[in-house]
N, C-alpha and C. Protein backbone atom coordinates (compact mmCIF):
# COMPACT_ATOMS: atom_id res chain seq x y z
N MET A 1 13.08 10.91 -2.46
CA MET A 1 13.67 9.73 -1.82
C MET A 1 14.21 10.11 -0.45
N THR A 2 14.06 9.20 0.51
CA THR A 2 14.66 9.36 1.83
C THR A 2 15.66 8.24 2.04
N GLN A 3 16.90 8.60 2.37
CA GLN A 3 17.94 7.63 2.69
C GLN A 3 18.52 7.97 4.04
N ALA A 4 18.41 7.03 4.98
CA ALA A 4 18.85 7.30 6.35
C ALA A 4 19.74 6.19 6.89
N GLY A 5 20.45 5.48 6.00
CA GLY A 5 21.28 4.38 6.46
C GLY A 5 20.47 3.11 6.64
N TRP A 6 19.54 3.15 7.58
CA TRP A 6 18.69 1.99 7.85
C TRP A 6 17.43 1.98 6.99
N LEU A 7 17.14 3.10 6.30
CA LEU A 7 15.91 3.25 5.53
C LEU A 7 16.21 3.78 4.13
N ASN A 8 15.64 3.10 3.14
CA ASN A 8 15.66 3.59 1.76
C ASN A 8 14.20 3.68 1.33
N ALA A 9 13.69 4.89 1.19
CA ALA A 9 12.26 5.09 0.90
C ALA A 9 12.09 5.94 -0.35
N LYS A 10 11.25 5.46 -1.26
CA LYS A 10 10.89 6.21 -2.46
C LYS A 10 9.45 6.69 -2.29
N HIS A 11 9.22 7.97 -2.58
CA HIS A 11 7.93 8.60 -2.34
C HIS A 11 7.23 8.91 -3.67
N SER A 12 6.02 8.39 -3.86
CA SER A 12 5.25 8.72 -5.05
C SER A 12 4.73 10.15 -4.98
N PHE A 13 4.45 10.63 -3.75
CA PHE A 13 3.90 11.97 -3.56
C PHE A 13 4.71 12.68 -2.48
N SER A 14 4.51 14.00 -2.38
CA SER A 14 5.26 14.79 -1.40
C SER A 14 5.15 14.16 -0.01
N PHE A 15 6.31 14.04 0.64
CA PHE A 15 6.35 13.41 1.95
C PHE A 15 7.66 13.77 2.63
N ASN A 16 7.57 14.09 3.92
CA ASN A 16 8.75 14.40 4.72
C ASN A 16 9.54 15.54 4.05
N ARG A 17 10.81 15.34 3.73
CA ARG A 17 11.62 16.41 3.14
C ARG A 17 11.42 16.53 1.64
N TYR A 18 10.75 15.55 1.03
CA TYR A 18 10.47 15.64 -0.40
C TYR A 18 9.18 16.43 -0.59
N TYR A 19 9.28 17.54 -1.31
CA TYR A 19 8.09 18.36 -1.55
C TYR A 19 8.03 18.78 -3.00
N ASP A 20 6.91 18.48 -3.64
CA ASP A 20 6.65 18.90 -5.01
C ASP A 20 5.18 19.29 -5.08
N PRO A 21 4.88 20.57 -5.24
CA PRO A 21 3.47 21.01 -5.24
C PRO A 21 2.64 20.37 -6.34
N LYS A 22 3.28 19.82 -7.36
CA LYS A 22 2.56 19.15 -8.43
C LYS A 22 2.24 17.69 -8.09
N HIS A 23 2.83 17.20 -7.01
CA HIS A 23 2.62 15.80 -6.61
C HIS A 23 2.31 15.73 -5.12
N MET A 24 1.09 16.18 -4.79
CA MET A 24 0.64 16.17 -3.40
C MET A 24 -0.27 14.99 -3.10
N GLY A 25 -0.54 14.18 -4.11
CA GLY A 25 -1.43 13.04 -3.96
C GLY A 25 -2.23 12.85 -5.21
N PHE A 26 -3.13 11.86 -5.16
CA PHE A 26 -4.01 11.56 -6.29
C PHE A 26 -5.39 11.26 -5.71
N ARG A 27 -6.34 12.21 -5.94
CA ARG A 27 -7.66 12.09 -5.33
C ARG A 27 -7.51 11.97 -3.81
N SER A 28 -8.07 10.95 -3.18
CA SER A 28 -7.93 10.78 -1.72
C SER A 28 -6.64 10.05 -1.33
N LEU A 29 -5.89 9.59 -2.33
CA LEU A 29 -4.63 8.89 -2.08
C LEU A 29 -3.54 9.92 -1.80
N ARG A 30 -3.06 9.97 -0.58
CA ARG A 30 -2.13 11.03 -0.17
C ARG A 30 -0.68 10.58 -0.15
N VAL A 31 -0.41 9.33 0.23
CA VAL A 31 0.97 8.85 0.37
C VAL A 31 1.08 7.43 -0.16
N ILE A 32 2.11 7.18 -0.95
CA ILE A 32 2.60 5.81 -1.21
C ILE A 32 4.11 5.85 -1.02
N ASN A 33 4.57 5.21 0.02
CA ASN A 33 6.01 5.12 0.29
C ASN A 33 6.47 3.69 0.06
N ASP A 34 7.47 3.55 -0.80
CA ASP A 34 8.08 2.26 -1.11
C ASP A 34 9.30 2.15 -0.21
N ASP A 35 9.15 1.44 0.93
CA ASP A 35 10.17 1.42 1.98
C ASP A 35 10.96 0.12 1.99
N ARG A 36 12.27 0.27 2.15
CA ARG A 36 13.15 -0.87 2.42
C ARG A 36 13.87 -0.55 3.73
N ILE A 37 13.71 -1.45 4.71
CA ILE A 37 14.19 -1.20 6.07
C ILE A 37 15.24 -2.24 6.42
N ALA A 38 16.35 -1.79 6.96
CA ALA A 38 17.46 -2.67 7.29
C ALA A 38 17.08 -3.62 8.44
N PRO A 39 17.79 -4.75 8.56
CA PRO A 39 17.52 -5.72 9.63
C PRO A 39 17.53 -5.07 11.01
N GLY A 40 16.51 -5.37 11.80
CA GLY A 40 16.42 -4.90 13.17
C GLY A 40 16.07 -3.45 13.35
N ALA A 41 15.96 -2.69 12.25
CA ALA A 41 15.71 -1.25 12.34
C ALA A 41 14.24 -0.95 12.13
N GLY A 42 13.87 0.32 12.31
CA GLY A 42 12.48 0.68 12.07
C GLY A 42 12.11 2.04 12.66
N PHE A 43 10.82 2.30 12.65
CA PHE A 43 10.28 3.56 13.14
C PHE A 43 9.83 3.38 14.59
N GLY A 44 10.33 4.22 15.49
CA GLY A 44 9.88 4.17 16.88
C GLY A 44 8.46 4.70 17.03
N MET A 45 7.95 4.71 18.25
CA MET A 45 6.60 5.18 18.49
C MET A 45 6.41 6.61 17.98
N HIS A 46 5.39 6.82 17.17
CA HIS A 46 5.10 8.15 16.63
C HIS A 46 3.61 8.27 16.39
N PRO A 47 3.08 9.50 16.36
CA PRO A 47 1.62 9.68 16.31
C PRO A 47 1.08 9.85 14.89
N HIS A 48 -0.21 9.49 14.74
CA HIS A 48 -0.99 9.80 13.54
C HIS A 48 -2.41 10.15 13.99
N ARG A 49 -3.13 10.89 13.14
CA ARG A 49 -4.54 11.11 13.37
C ARG A 49 -5.23 11.38 12.04
N ASP A 50 -6.51 11.06 11.98
CA ASP A 50 -7.37 11.33 10.83
C ASP A 50 -6.71 10.92 9.51
N MET A 51 -6.30 9.66 9.44
CA MET A 51 -5.75 9.11 8.21
C MET A 51 -5.98 7.61 8.20
N GLU A 52 -6.31 7.08 7.01
CA GLU A 52 -6.40 5.63 6.82
C GLU A 52 -5.03 5.16 6.35
N ILE A 53 -4.37 4.33 7.14
CA ILE A 53 -2.99 3.91 6.86
C ILE A 53 -2.98 2.41 6.55
N LEU A 54 -2.55 2.08 5.34
CA LEU A 54 -2.45 0.69 4.90
C LEU A 54 -0.99 0.32 4.76
N THR A 55 -0.63 -0.87 5.21
CA THR A 55 0.73 -1.37 5.07
C THR A 55 0.68 -2.72 4.38
N TRP A 56 1.42 -2.85 3.28
CA TRP A 56 1.46 -4.10 2.51
C TRP A 56 2.89 -4.57 2.43
N VAL A 57 3.17 -5.75 2.99
CA VAL A 57 4.52 -6.30 3.02
C VAL A 57 4.76 -7.12 1.76
N LEU A 58 5.85 -6.80 1.06
CA LEU A 58 6.24 -7.53 -0.14
C LEU A 58 7.28 -8.59 0.17
N GLU A 59 8.25 -8.24 1.01
CA GLU A 59 9.29 -9.18 1.42
C GLU A 59 9.65 -8.92 2.87
N GLY A 60 9.94 -9.99 3.61
CA GLY A 60 10.37 -9.84 4.99
C GLY A 60 9.22 -9.88 5.99
N ARG A 61 9.52 -9.48 7.23
CA ARG A 61 8.55 -9.53 8.31
C ARG A 61 8.61 -8.22 9.10
N LEU A 62 7.43 -7.61 9.32
CA LEU A 62 7.34 -6.32 10.00
C LEU A 62 6.63 -6.49 11.33
N GLU A 63 7.26 -5.97 12.38
CA GLU A 63 6.68 -6.03 13.73
C GLU A 63 5.97 -4.72 14.03
N HIS A 64 4.69 -4.81 14.36
CA HIS A 64 3.85 -3.63 14.64
C HIS A 64 3.42 -3.64 16.09
N GLU A 65 3.40 -2.44 16.71
CA GLU A 65 2.84 -2.26 18.05
C GLU A 65 2.19 -0.89 18.10
N ASP A 66 1.03 -0.78 18.78
CA ASP A 66 0.36 0.52 18.83
C ASP A 66 -0.24 0.79 20.20
N SER A 67 -0.69 2.03 20.38
CA SER A 67 -1.23 2.48 21.66
C SER A 67 -2.61 1.92 21.95
N MET A 68 -3.22 1.22 20.97
CA MET A 68 -4.49 0.54 21.22
C MET A 68 -4.28 -0.83 21.84
N GLY A 69 -3.02 -1.24 21.98
CA GLY A 69 -2.72 -2.53 22.59
C GLY A 69 -2.47 -3.64 21.59
N HIS A 70 -2.44 -3.34 20.31
CA HIS A 70 -2.22 -4.36 19.30
C HIS A 70 -0.74 -4.63 19.08
N LYS A 71 -0.41 -5.90 18.94
CA LYS A 71 0.92 -6.32 18.53
C LYS A 71 0.74 -7.35 17.41
N ALA A 72 1.51 -7.19 16.35
CA ALA A 72 1.36 -8.10 15.21
C ALA A 72 2.67 -8.18 14.46
N VAL A 73 2.88 -9.30 13.78
CA VAL A 73 4.00 -9.46 12.86
C VAL A 73 3.42 -9.71 11.48
N LEU A 74 3.69 -8.79 10.57
CA LEU A 74 3.16 -8.88 9.22
C LEU A 74 4.15 -9.59 8.32
N GLU A 75 3.65 -10.52 7.53
CA GLU A 75 4.47 -11.26 6.58
C GLU A 75 4.00 -10.95 5.16
N PRO A 76 4.73 -11.37 4.13
CA PRO A 76 4.33 -11.06 2.76
C PRO A 76 2.88 -11.44 2.47
N GLY A 77 2.16 -10.52 1.86
CA GLY A 77 0.75 -10.72 1.55
C GLY A 77 -0.19 -10.08 2.55
N HIS A 78 0.31 -9.79 3.76
CA HIS A 78 -0.54 -9.16 4.78
C HIS A 78 -0.92 -7.75 4.36
N MET A 79 -2.18 -7.39 4.61
CA MET A 79 -2.64 -6.02 4.43
C MET A 79 -3.11 -5.53 5.79
N GLN A 80 -2.34 -4.63 6.38
CA GLN A 80 -2.71 -4.05 7.68
C GLN A 80 -3.38 -2.72 7.45
N ARG A 81 -4.48 -2.49 8.18
CA ARG A 81 -5.18 -1.21 8.13
C ARG A 81 -5.24 -0.61 9.52
N MET A 82 -4.82 0.62 9.63
CA MET A 82 -4.94 1.36 10.88
C MET A 82 -5.66 2.66 10.59
N SER A 83 -6.86 2.80 11.13
CA SER A 83 -7.59 4.06 11.04
C SER A 83 -7.16 4.91 12.21
N ALA A 84 -6.39 5.97 11.93
CA ALA A 84 -5.81 6.75 13.03
C ALA A 84 -6.86 7.56 13.79
N GLY A 85 -7.89 8.04 13.08
CA GLY A 85 -9.01 8.71 13.73
C GLY A 85 -8.59 9.81 14.69
N THR A 86 -9.09 9.75 15.93
CA THR A 86 -8.83 10.79 16.92
C THR A 86 -7.38 10.80 17.41
N GLY A 87 -6.61 9.79 17.05
CA GLY A 87 -5.19 9.78 17.40
C GLY A 87 -4.71 8.43 17.87
N VAL A 88 -3.53 8.04 17.39
CA VAL A 88 -2.93 6.77 17.79
C VAL A 88 -1.42 6.88 17.66
N PHE A 89 -0.70 6.17 18.52
CA PHE A 89 0.74 6.03 18.39
C PHE A 89 1.04 4.61 17.93
N HIS A 90 2.06 4.46 17.08
CA HIS A 90 2.46 3.11 16.71
C HIS A 90 3.94 3.08 16.35
N SER A 91 4.51 1.87 16.36
CA SER A 91 5.89 1.66 15.94
C SER A 91 5.92 0.53 14.92
N GLU A 92 6.92 0.57 14.04
CA GLU A 92 7.11 -0.46 13.02
C GLU A 92 8.59 -0.79 12.95
N ARG A 93 8.91 -2.09 13.02
CA ARG A 93 10.31 -2.50 13.05
C ARG A 93 10.49 -3.76 12.23
N ASN A 94 11.61 -3.84 11.52
CA ASN A 94 11.97 -5.07 10.82
C ASN A 94 12.18 -6.16 11.87
N ALA A 95 11.38 -7.22 11.78
CA ALA A 95 11.42 -8.27 12.79
C ALA A 95 12.60 -9.21 12.63
N SER A 96 13.36 -9.08 11.54
CA SER A 96 14.49 -9.97 11.30
C SER A 96 15.80 -9.30 11.67
N PRO A 97 16.72 -10.03 12.34
CA PRO A 97 18.03 -9.46 12.65
C PRO A 97 19.01 -9.55 11.48
N SER A 98 18.60 -10.22 10.39
CA SER A 98 19.55 -10.45 9.31
C SER A 98 19.03 -10.14 7.91
N GLU A 99 17.70 -10.08 7.72
CA GLU A 99 17.14 -9.89 6.39
C GLU A 99 16.44 -8.53 6.28
N PRO A 100 16.60 -7.83 5.16
CA PRO A 100 15.88 -6.56 4.97
C PRO A 100 14.40 -6.81 4.73
N ILE A 101 13.61 -5.76 4.78
CA ILE A 101 12.18 -5.85 4.52
C ILE A 101 11.81 -4.83 3.45
N HIS A 102 10.84 -5.20 2.62
CA HIS A 102 10.34 -4.33 1.55
C HIS A 102 8.83 -4.22 1.72
N LEU A 103 8.32 -3.00 1.82
CA LEU A 103 6.90 -2.81 2.05
C LEU A 103 6.42 -1.51 1.42
N PHE A 104 5.10 -1.43 1.25
CA PHE A 104 4.43 -0.19 0.88
C PHE A 104 3.69 0.34 2.09
N GLN A 105 3.84 1.63 2.35
CA GLN A 105 2.95 2.29 3.31
C GLN A 105 2.11 3.30 2.55
N ILE A 106 0.80 3.20 2.74
CA ILE A 106 -0.17 4.01 1.99
C ILE A 106 -1.01 4.81 2.96
N TRP A 107 -1.21 6.09 2.66
CA TRP A 107 -2.14 6.93 3.42
C TRP A 107 -3.28 7.34 2.52
N ILE A 108 -4.50 7.13 2.98
CA ILE A 108 -5.70 7.57 2.28
C ILE A 108 -6.46 8.52 3.20
N GLU A 109 -6.80 9.70 2.68
CA GLU A 109 -7.51 10.67 3.49
C GLU A 109 -8.94 10.19 3.76
N PRO A 110 -9.40 10.18 5.00
CA PRO A 110 -10.75 9.69 5.31
C PRO A 110 -11.81 10.70 4.91
N ASP A 111 -13.03 10.21 4.70
CA ASP A 111 -14.14 11.11 4.37
C ASP A 111 -14.82 11.65 5.63
N THR A 112 -14.45 11.11 6.79
CA THR A 112 -14.98 11.58 8.07
C THR A 112 -13.84 11.64 9.08
N GLN A 113 -13.69 12.75 9.77
CA GLN A 113 -12.64 12.87 10.76
C GLN A 113 -13.19 12.61 12.16
N GLY A 114 -12.27 12.33 13.07
CA GLY A 114 -12.64 12.17 14.47
C GLY A 114 -13.28 10.85 14.84
N ILE A 115 -13.09 9.81 14.00
CA ILE A 115 -13.64 8.50 14.34
C ILE A 115 -12.73 7.83 15.37
N PRO A 116 -13.24 6.85 16.12
CA PRO A 116 -12.37 6.10 17.02
C PRO A 116 -11.30 5.35 16.22
N PRO A 117 -10.07 5.30 16.71
CA PRO A 117 -9.02 4.58 15.99
C PRO A 117 -9.34 3.08 15.93
N ARG A 118 -8.91 2.45 14.81
CA ARG A 118 -9.19 1.02 14.59
C ARG A 118 -7.97 0.37 13.96
N PHE A 119 -7.86 -0.95 14.16
CA PHE A 119 -6.73 -1.71 13.63
C PHE A 119 -7.25 -3.02 13.05
N GLU A 120 -6.67 -3.44 11.94
CA GLU A 120 -7.03 -4.73 11.34
C GLU A 120 -5.84 -5.25 10.54
N ASP A 121 -5.61 -6.55 10.63
CA ASP A 121 -4.54 -7.20 9.86
C ASP A 121 -5.14 -8.42 9.17
N ILE A 122 -5.17 -8.39 7.83
CA ILE A 122 -5.72 -9.50 7.06
C ILE A 122 -4.59 -10.21 6.33
N PRO A 123 -4.31 -11.49 6.67
CA PRO A 123 -3.21 -12.21 6.04
C PRO A 123 -3.66 -12.91 4.75
N TRP A 124 -3.62 -12.18 3.64
CA TRP A 124 -3.97 -12.79 2.36
C TRP A 124 -2.91 -13.80 1.96
N VAL A 125 -3.33 -15.01 1.64
CA VAL A 125 -2.38 -16.03 1.17
C VAL A 125 -2.15 -15.84 -0.32
N ASP A 126 -1.09 -16.46 -0.81
CA ASP A 126 -0.69 -16.28 -2.20
C ASP A 126 -1.81 -16.58 -3.18
N ALA A 127 -2.57 -17.63 -2.91
CA ALA A 127 -3.64 -18.03 -3.84
C ALA A 127 -4.74 -16.98 -3.93
N ASP A 128 -4.92 -16.18 -2.87
CA ASP A 128 -5.94 -15.12 -2.89
C ASP A 128 -5.61 -14.05 -3.93
N LEU A 129 -4.32 -13.82 -4.16
CA LEU A 129 -3.86 -12.70 -4.97
C LEU A 129 -3.35 -13.13 -6.34
N ARG A 130 -3.20 -14.42 -6.58
CA ARG A 130 -2.51 -14.90 -7.77
C ARG A 130 -3.33 -14.67 -9.03
N ASN A 131 -2.77 -13.86 -9.93
CA ASN A 131 -3.31 -13.63 -11.28
C ASN A 131 -4.76 -13.12 -11.26
N ARG A 132 -5.07 -12.30 -10.27
CA ARG A 132 -6.38 -11.67 -10.19
C ARG A 132 -6.23 -10.37 -9.41
N LEU A 133 -7.19 -9.48 -9.59
CA LEU A 133 -7.24 -8.27 -8.78
C LEU A 133 -8.13 -8.56 -7.59
N ARG A 134 -7.51 -8.74 -6.42
CA ARG A 134 -8.25 -9.10 -5.22
C ARG A 134 -8.52 -7.85 -4.40
N LEU A 135 -9.79 -7.60 -4.12
CA LEU A 135 -10.16 -6.46 -3.30
C LEU A 135 -9.66 -6.68 -1.88
N VAL A 136 -8.77 -5.77 -1.40
CA VAL A 136 -8.20 -5.93 -0.07
C VAL A 136 -8.62 -4.83 0.90
N ALA A 137 -9.19 -3.73 0.39
CA ALA A 137 -9.70 -2.67 1.27
C ALA A 137 -10.81 -1.93 0.54
N SER A 138 -11.86 -1.54 1.29
CA SER A 138 -13.01 -0.88 0.66
C SER A 138 -13.81 -0.14 1.71
N LYS A 139 -14.72 0.71 1.24
CA LYS A 139 -15.58 1.50 2.12
C LYS A 139 -16.54 0.62 2.92
N ASP A 140 -17.02 -0.49 2.30
CA ASP A 140 -18.02 -1.32 2.95
C ASP A 140 -17.49 -2.67 3.43
N GLY A 141 -16.20 -2.93 3.24
CA GLY A 141 -15.62 -4.19 3.72
C GLY A 141 -16.12 -5.42 2.99
N ARG A 142 -16.64 -5.25 1.79
CA ARG A 142 -17.20 -6.40 1.07
C ARG A 142 -16.09 -7.38 0.65
N GLU A 143 -16.52 -8.59 0.38
CA GLU A 143 -15.63 -9.66 -0.08
C GLU A 143 -14.48 -9.93 0.89
N GLY A 144 -14.71 -9.64 2.16
CA GLY A 144 -13.69 -9.90 3.16
C GLY A 144 -12.58 -8.89 3.20
N SER A 145 -12.76 -7.76 2.51
CA SER A 145 -11.73 -6.73 2.48
C SER A 145 -11.71 -5.93 3.78
N SER A 146 -10.61 -5.22 3.98
CA SER A 146 -10.48 -4.37 5.17
C SER A 146 -11.35 -3.13 5.01
N LEU A 147 -11.98 -2.72 6.09
CA LEU A 147 -12.91 -1.59 6.07
C LEU A 147 -12.15 -0.29 6.25
N ILE A 148 -12.26 0.63 5.27
CA ILE A 148 -11.62 1.94 5.38
C ILE A 148 -12.66 3.05 5.32
N GLN A 149 -12.32 4.19 5.91
CA GLN A 149 -13.25 5.31 6.01
C GLN A 149 -13.09 6.23 4.80
N GLN A 150 -13.35 5.67 3.61
CA GLN A 150 -13.27 6.44 2.37
C GLN A 150 -13.85 5.60 1.25
N ASP A 151 -14.49 6.27 0.28
CA ASP A 151 -15.03 5.56 -0.88
C ASP A 151 -13.88 5.26 -1.83
N ALA A 152 -13.14 4.22 -1.50
CA ALA A 152 -11.99 3.80 -2.29
C ALA A 152 -11.94 2.28 -2.30
N ASN A 153 -11.58 1.72 -3.44
CA ASN A 153 -11.37 0.29 -3.56
C ASN A 153 -9.89 0.04 -3.82
N VAL A 154 -9.29 -0.78 -2.99
CA VAL A 154 -7.87 -1.10 -3.13
C VAL A 154 -7.74 -2.57 -3.49
N TYR A 155 -7.05 -2.83 -4.59
CA TYR A 155 -6.86 -4.20 -5.09
C TYR A 155 -5.37 -4.54 -5.05
N ALA A 156 -5.08 -5.81 -4.80
CA ALA A 156 -3.71 -6.32 -4.86
C ALA A 156 -3.67 -7.52 -5.79
N SER A 157 -2.52 -7.70 -6.43
CA SER A 157 -2.36 -8.86 -7.31
C SER A 157 -0.90 -9.27 -7.35
N LYS A 158 -0.67 -10.58 -7.42
CA LYS A 158 0.64 -11.14 -7.73
C LYS A 158 0.49 -11.89 -9.05
N MET A 159 1.09 -11.34 -10.09
CA MET A 159 0.90 -11.86 -11.44
C MET A 159 2.10 -12.69 -11.89
N ASP A 160 1.82 -13.84 -12.50
CA ASP A 160 2.86 -14.64 -13.11
C ASP A 160 3.22 -14.06 -14.47
N ALA A 161 4.49 -14.20 -14.87
CA ALA A 161 4.92 -13.73 -16.18
C ALA A 161 4.05 -14.35 -17.26
N GLY A 162 3.61 -13.51 -18.20
CA GLY A 162 2.79 -13.99 -19.31
C GLY A 162 1.30 -13.90 -19.08
N THR A 163 0.87 -13.53 -17.86
CA THR A 163 -0.56 -13.42 -17.58
C THR A 163 -1.02 -11.98 -17.78
N GLY A 164 -2.35 -11.81 -17.88
CA GLY A 164 -2.90 -10.49 -18.13
C GLY A 164 -4.17 -10.23 -17.35
N LEU A 165 -4.45 -8.94 -17.11
CA LEU A 165 -5.66 -8.52 -16.41
C LEU A 165 -6.20 -7.28 -17.11
N HIS A 166 -7.49 -7.01 -16.90
CA HIS A 166 -8.12 -5.81 -17.43
C HIS A 166 -8.86 -5.11 -16.30
N PHE A 167 -8.87 -3.77 -16.35
CA PHE A 167 -9.61 -3.02 -15.33
C PHE A 167 -10.03 -1.67 -15.88
N ALA A 168 -11.27 -1.29 -15.61
CA ALA A 168 -11.77 0.05 -15.89
C ALA A 168 -12.59 0.48 -14.68
N GLY A 169 -12.27 1.63 -14.13
CA GLY A 169 -12.97 2.08 -12.94
C GLY A 169 -13.22 3.57 -12.94
N ARG A 170 -13.06 4.18 -11.80
CA ARG A 170 -13.25 5.62 -11.66
C ARG A 170 -11.89 6.29 -11.91
N HIS A 171 -11.35 6.98 -10.93
CA HIS A 171 -9.99 7.49 -11.05
C HIS A 171 -9.05 6.39 -10.53
N VAL A 172 -8.18 5.91 -11.38
CA VAL A 172 -7.39 4.71 -11.07
C VAL A 172 -5.91 5.07 -10.96
N TRP A 173 -5.27 4.52 -9.93
CA TRP A 173 -3.82 4.61 -9.78
C TRP A 173 -3.28 3.19 -9.62
N LEU A 174 -2.33 2.80 -10.47
CA LEU A 174 -1.71 1.48 -10.40
C LEU A 174 -0.25 1.64 -10.01
N GLN A 175 0.17 0.97 -8.95
CA GLN A 175 1.53 1.05 -8.42
C GLN A 175 2.20 -0.31 -8.53
N VAL A 176 3.42 -0.34 -9.08
CA VAL A 176 4.16 -1.59 -9.24
C VAL A 176 5.08 -1.79 -8.04
N GLY A 177 4.95 -2.93 -7.39
CA GLY A 177 5.81 -3.25 -6.25
C GLY A 177 7.06 -4.00 -6.65
N THR A 178 6.88 -5.04 -7.47
CA THR A 178 8.00 -5.85 -7.95
C THR A 178 7.73 -6.26 -9.39
N GLY A 179 8.79 -6.58 -10.12
CA GLY A 179 8.63 -7.14 -11.46
C GLY A 179 8.53 -6.09 -12.55
N THR A 180 8.15 -6.57 -13.73
CA THR A 180 8.00 -5.72 -14.92
C THR A 180 6.69 -6.06 -15.61
N LEU A 181 5.97 -5.04 -16.05
CA LEU A 181 4.71 -5.28 -16.74
C LEU A 181 4.46 -4.18 -17.76
N ARG A 182 3.48 -4.42 -18.61
CA ARG A 182 3.04 -3.42 -19.58
C ARG A 182 1.60 -3.04 -19.28
N VAL A 183 1.33 -1.75 -19.25
CA VAL A 183 -0.03 -1.25 -19.08
C VAL A 183 -0.35 -0.44 -20.33
N ASN A 184 -1.26 -0.98 -21.15
CA ASN A 184 -1.54 -0.39 -22.46
C ASN A 184 -0.22 -0.27 -23.22
N ASP A 185 0.25 0.91 -23.54
CA ASP A 185 1.49 1.06 -24.32
C ASP A 185 2.71 1.39 -23.47
N LEU A 186 2.57 1.34 -22.15
CA LEU A 186 3.66 1.72 -21.26
C LEU A 186 4.31 0.50 -20.61
N THR A 187 5.63 0.51 -20.52
CA THR A 187 6.36 -0.52 -19.79
C THR A 187 6.71 0.04 -18.41
N LEU A 188 6.32 -0.69 -17.37
CA LEU A 188 6.54 -0.25 -15.99
C LEU A 188 7.39 -1.27 -15.25
N GLU A 189 8.26 -0.75 -14.39
CA GLU A 189 9.08 -1.60 -13.53
C GLU A 189 8.78 -1.27 -12.08
N ALA A 190 9.40 -2.02 -11.18
CA ALA A 190 9.17 -1.83 -9.74
C ALA A 190 9.39 -0.36 -9.37
N GLY A 191 8.42 0.22 -8.67
CA GLY A 191 8.48 1.61 -8.26
C GLY A 191 7.75 2.56 -9.18
N ASP A 192 7.42 2.10 -10.40
CA ASP A 192 6.68 2.94 -11.34
C ASP A 192 5.19 2.90 -11.06
N ALA A 193 4.46 3.86 -11.64
CA ALA A 193 3.01 3.93 -11.47
C ALA A 193 2.39 4.55 -12.70
N VAL A 194 1.08 4.35 -12.86
CA VAL A 194 0.33 4.94 -13.95
C VAL A 194 -1.06 5.26 -13.44
N SER A 195 -1.66 6.34 -13.95
CA SER A 195 -3.02 6.69 -13.56
C SER A 195 -3.93 6.61 -14.77
N ALA A 196 -5.25 6.53 -14.52
CA ALA A 196 -6.24 6.46 -15.60
C ALA A 196 -7.47 7.25 -15.21
N SER A 197 -8.12 7.82 -16.20
CA SER A 197 -9.33 8.60 -16.00
C SER A 197 -10.54 7.67 -15.93
N PRO A 198 -11.68 8.17 -15.42
CA PRO A 198 -12.87 7.33 -15.31
C PRO A 198 -13.26 6.68 -16.64
N GLY A 199 -13.46 5.37 -16.59
CA GLY A 199 -13.89 4.62 -17.76
C GLY A 199 -12.77 4.16 -18.66
N GLU A 200 -11.56 4.68 -18.48
CA GLU A 200 -10.44 4.28 -19.33
C GLU A 200 -9.99 2.87 -18.95
N GLU A 201 -9.96 1.97 -19.92
CA GLU A 201 -9.61 0.59 -19.64
C GLU A 201 -8.10 0.40 -19.60
N LEU A 202 -7.63 -0.29 -18.57
CA LEU A 202 -6.23 -0.65 -18.46
C LEU A 202 -6.07 -2.12 -18.83
N THR A 203 -5.17 -2.39 -19.77
CA THR A 203 -4.79 -3.76 -20.12
C THR A 203 -3.42 -4.00 -19.50
N ILE A 204 -3.36 -4.93 -18.57
CA ILE A 204 -2.15 -5.17 -17.77
C ILE A 204 -1.55 -6.51 -18.17
N GLN A 205 -0.32 -6.52 -18.67
CA GLN A 205 0.37 -7.73 -19.09
C GLN A 205 1.68 -7.85 -18.33
N ALA A 206 1.87 -8.97 -17.63
CA ALA A 206 3.08 -9.18 -16.85
C ALA A 206 4.19 -9.75 -17.73
N ASP A 207 5.31 -9.01 -17.87
CA ASP A 207 6.47 -9.52 -18.59
C ASP A 207 7.32 -10.40 -17.69
N LYS A 208 7.37 -10.06 -16.42
CA LYS A 208 8.02 -10.87 -15.38
C LYS A 208 7.05 -11.02 -14.22
N ASP A 209 7.30 -11.99 -13.35
CA ASP A 209 6.47 -12.10 -12.16
C ASP A 209 6.45 -10.74 -11.46
N CYS A 210 5.28 -10.30 -11.02
CA CYS A 210 5.19 -8.97 -10.44
C CYS A 210 4.12 -8.91 -9.36
N ALA A 211 4.22 -7.88 -8.53
CA ALA A 211 3.21 -7.59 -7.51
C ALA A 211 2.76 -6.16 -7.72
N ILE A 212 1.43 -5.93 -7.71
CA ILE A 212 0.90 -4.60 -7.96
C ILE A 212 -0.20 -4.26 -6.95
N LEU A 213 -0.40 -2.96 -6.76
CA LEU A 213 -1.56 -2.44 -6.06
C LEU A 213 -2.33 -1.54 -7.04
N LEU A 214 -3.64 -1.61 -7.00
CA LEU A 214 -4.48 -0.78 -7.86
C LEU A 214 -5.52 -0.10 -7.00
N PHE A 215 -5.63 1.23 -7.13
CA PHE A 215 -6.57 2.04 -6.36
C PHE A 215 -7.65 2.60 -7.27
N ASP A 216 -8.90 2.36 -6.93
CA ASP A 216 -10.06 2.88 -7.66
C ASP A 216 -10.71 3.92 -6.75
N LEU A 217 -10.66 5.20 -7.15
CA LEU A 217 -10.97 6.31 -6.26
C LEU A 217 -12.02 7.23 -6.85
N VAL A 218 -12.78 7.90 -5.99
CA VAL A 218 -13.76 8.88 -6.47
C VAL A 218 -13.05 10.17 -6.84
């Protein structure tokens, strides 16, 4: 966990000052940071390279600016993708002077390094994600998903209490953003996660309204 007054961040894998050699990532999934940022605060301009960076806003509004000339304000449901490639600088700031923001920042290692940096922001509306696993990022950009430089499928869902989903894929990581749910015999709450081996079926039941991300990885 990172606590800096303006930032409360929980790390699924080793990141910054948190280091655990047993938790360096999962397949190509390198970082999942569950960030809560105070009003008006944020990360100043800083560099990245050779990483696929996804940002998913759960609550609040995030202001983005980068060295490619992009400026955007992300709202709940937005999936932003930045392929850092040969190098990019960007900043992220809570766009509200009074309300906190809750978001996931995800890093996926690319299968090819040195590509030109790219940016994309897809504003998924609530109906796109409601009670279904909606593909939001993929290697080939199918179904309107964001194009990432890795053989990975990223799904998002906002589930109503009492609804259920099923999924079986390759190497699967499921991350809970909000709410409470059951995956097979496990009860998960916001911030929890579960992984599955190839072909293992996940039965997902929402006990409370919840938001989840699911990664299907080689």
